[in-house]
Amino acid sequence: MCAAIGVEHIYGTTQGYITNGKQGYEELLSKLQGTWHNAKQPSELYVVNGANVTRMRQSSGEVAEFHRALRLDPSESFIQWGMKGRWLLQVAAEEALPSEMAWLTPEEVRWQTGPPGPNSQVKGWRWLRVDAGTANGFENMA
């Protein structure tokens, strides 16, 4: 079962991670800490540290810092990417430490009936958690 974080919507149920505002946001944010890679571009890593995200692209050596990128949206129902809320977080609800997450548009969150798969036609993107031993080559970029 996967959860769209917010609007108390988990495919077919009325549960959700963020049902109690800031406290729910902080609990979920703590589960997102660590290193992730883009599912379609594995050489693109994202390191979540607090609400900050660092993106590292192995192909170009580019490193970008996004301060307070992971925010509670104005309705206190979603974790959104950035200030404008164009991307909302979707993550597996049953996992104590999620292994996959997706960033979807608000419209995609409303019509999505399951987690976006590798061949999904969504506009957003997916992150997969990186094991500590598989981040070779990136540790010197940050």
Protein backbone atom coordinates (compact mmCIF):
# COMPACT_ATOMS: atom_id res chain seq x y z
CA MET A 1 0.00 0.00 0.00
CA CYS A 2 1.38 3.43 -0.86
CA ALA A 3 0.45 6.79 0.54
CA ALA A 4 0.05 10.12 -1.06
CA ILE A 5 1.32 12.31 1.69
CA GLY A 6 -1.53 14.58 2.48
CA VAL A 7 -5.22 15.11 1.95
CA GLU A 8 -5.54 12.07 4.20
CA HIS A 9 -5.30 9.94 1.07
CA ILE A 10 -3.77 6.49 0.92
CA TYR A 11 -5.12 4.60 -2.07
CA GLY A 12 -8.56 3.51 -1.00
CA THR A 13 -8.24 4.41 2.68
CA THR A 14 -8.48 7.55 4.76
CA GLN A 15 -5.08 7.34 6.43
CA GLY A 16 -2.05 9.48 5.83
CA TYR A 17 1.31 10.38 7.26
CA ILE A 18 0.62 14.05 7.70
CA THR A 19 -2.66 14.26 9.53
CA ASN A 20 -1.38 16.29 12.45
CA GLY A 21 0.43 19.19 10.77
CA LYS A 22 3.92 20.12 11.86
CA GLN A 23 4.45 17.08 14.10
CA GLY A 24 3.54 14.69 11.26
CA TYR A 25 5.81 16.65 8.91
CA GLU A 26 8.75 16.34 11.30
CA GLU A 27 8.14 12.59 11.79
CA LEU A 28 8.06 11.93 8.05
CA LEU A 29 11.00 14.24 7.36
CA SER A 30 13.10 12.24 9.84
CA LYS A 31 12.39 9.08 7.78
CA LEU A 32 13.59 10.75 4.58
CA GLN A 33 17.09 11.58 5.85
CA GLY A 34 19.98 10.09 3.91
CA THR A 35 21.05 9.51 0.33
CA TRP A 36 18.73 8.85 -2.61
CA HIS A 37 19.25 8.49 -6.34
CA ASN A 38 17.04 9.44 -9.26
CA ALA A 39 15.37 6.24 -10.49
CA LYS A 40 15.80 7.21 -14.16
CA GLN A 41 19.29 8.71 -13.74
CA PRO A 42 21.12 6.67 -11.08
CA SER A 43 24.21 8.89 -11.39
CA GLU A 44 22.18 11.76 -9.90
CA LEU A 45 22.22 11.63 -6.11
CA TYR A 46 20.18 13.58 -3.59
CA VAL A 47 21.26 13.91 0.03
CA VAL A 48 18.52 14.91 2.47
CA ASN A 49 19.81 16.64 5.60
CA GLY A 50 16.99 18.12 7.65
CA ALA A 51 14.77 20.02 5.19
CA ASN A 52 17.79 20.74 2.95
CA VAL A 53 18.66 18.74 -0.16
CA THR A 54 21.97 18.54 -2.01
CA ARG A 55 21.87 17.27 -5.59
CA MET A 56 25.06 15.77 -7.04
CA ARG A 57 25.41 14.84 -10.71
CA GLN A 58 28.28 12.44 -11.30
CA SER A 59 28.29 13.01 -15.08
CA SER A 60 28.99 16.76 -14.83
CA GLY A 61 30.34 17.08 -11.28
CA GLU A 62 27.59 19.63 -10.57
CA VAL A 63 26.58 20.08 -6.94
CA ALA A 64 23.48 22.14 -6.10
CA GLU A 65 22.21 23.05 -2.64
CA PHE A 66 18.48 23.50 -2.03
CA HIS A 67 17.89 25.13 1.36
CA ARG A 68 14.58 24.32 3.04
CA ALA A 69 13.52 22.45 -0.11
CA LEU A 70 11.25 20.07 1.82
CA ARG A 71 8.45 22.11 3.31
CA LEU A 72 5.07 21.63 4.84
CA ASP A 73 2.50 22.97 2.40
CA PRO A 74 0.06 25.74 3.45
CA SER A 75 -2.70 23.22 4.24
CA GLU A 76 -0.24 21.32 6.47
CA SER A 77 -1.18 18.13 4.62
CA PHE A 78 1.75 17.54 2.25
CA ILE A 79 5.50 17.72 2.08
CA GLN A 80 6.18 19.85 -0.94
CA TRP A 81 9.34 20.52 -2.92
CA GLY A 82 10.23 24.22 -2.74
CA MET A 83 8.17 27.29 -2.02
CA LYS A 84 5.65 27.05 -4.86
CA GLY A 85 4.34 23.55 -4.14
CA ARG A 86 4.54 22.30 -7.72
CA TRP A 87 5.70 18.88 -6.52
CA LEU A 88 4.21 16.84 -3.67
CA LEU A 89 5.73 13.83 -1.95
CA GLN A 90 4.34 10.32 -2.27
CA VAL A 91 5.89 7.50 -0.24
CA ALA A 92 5.06 3.96 0.92
CA ALA A 93 3.12 4.28 4.15
CA GLU A 94 3.94 0.93 5.70
CA GLU A 95 7.71 1.34 5.58
CA ALA A 96 9.42 2.45 8.78
CA LEU A 97 12.29 3.69 6.59
CA PRO A 98 11.01 4.30 3.06
CA SER A 99 13.07 2.80 0.22
CA GLU A 100 11.32 4.75 -2.54
CA MET A 101 9.53 8.06 -2.94
CA ALA A 102 7.97 9.98 -5.78
CA TRP A 103 7.52 13.69 -6.45
CA LEU A 104 4.25 14.31 -8.29
CA THR A 105 2.22 17.32 -9.37
CA PRO A 106 -0.88 18.03 -7.24
CA GLU A 107 -3.02 16.80 -10.15
CA GLU A 108 -1.10 13.50 -10.33
CA VAL A 109 -1.52 12.96 -6.59
CA ARG A 110 -5.31 13.30 -7.00
CA TRP A 111 -5.65 10.72 -9.82
CA GLN A 112 -2.79 8.34 -8.99
CA THR A 113 -4.12 4.93 -7.86
CA GLY A 114 -0.78 3.38 -6.97
CA PRO A 115 2.89 4.20 -6.83
CA PRO A 116 4.29 5.41 -10.14
CA GLY A 117 6.31 2.59 -11.66
CA PRO A 118 9.41 2.72 -13.86
CA ASN A 119 7.29 3.03 -17.03
CA SER A 120 4.86 5.53 -15.58
CA GLN A 121 3.85 8.56 -17.65
CA VAL A 122 3.81 10.99 -14.70
CA LYS A 123 5.57 14.36 -14.95
CA GLY A 124 7.29 13.90 -11.63
CA TRP A 125 10.29 11.79 -10.68
CA ARG A 126 11.17 8.92 -8.36
CA TRP A 127 13.95 8.57 -5.82
CA LEU A 128 15.32 5.27 -4.53
CA ARG A 129 17.24 5.02 -1.26
CA VAL A 130 20.97 4.43 -1.68
CA ASP A 131 22.75 1.91 0.53
CA ALA A 132 25.72 3.49 2.30
CA GLY A 133 28.17 1.28 0.41
CA THR A 134 26.83 2.11 -3.07
CA ALA A 135 27.49 5.86 -3.12
CA ASN A 136 31.03 5.37 -4.44
CA GLY A 137 32.44 8.35 -6.28
CA PHE A 138 30.02 10.83 -4.75
CA GLU A 139 31.46 11.25 -1.27
CA ASN A 140 34.12 13.71 -2.50
CA MET A 141 31.69 15.89 -4.48
CA ALA A 142 29.81 17.53 -1.62
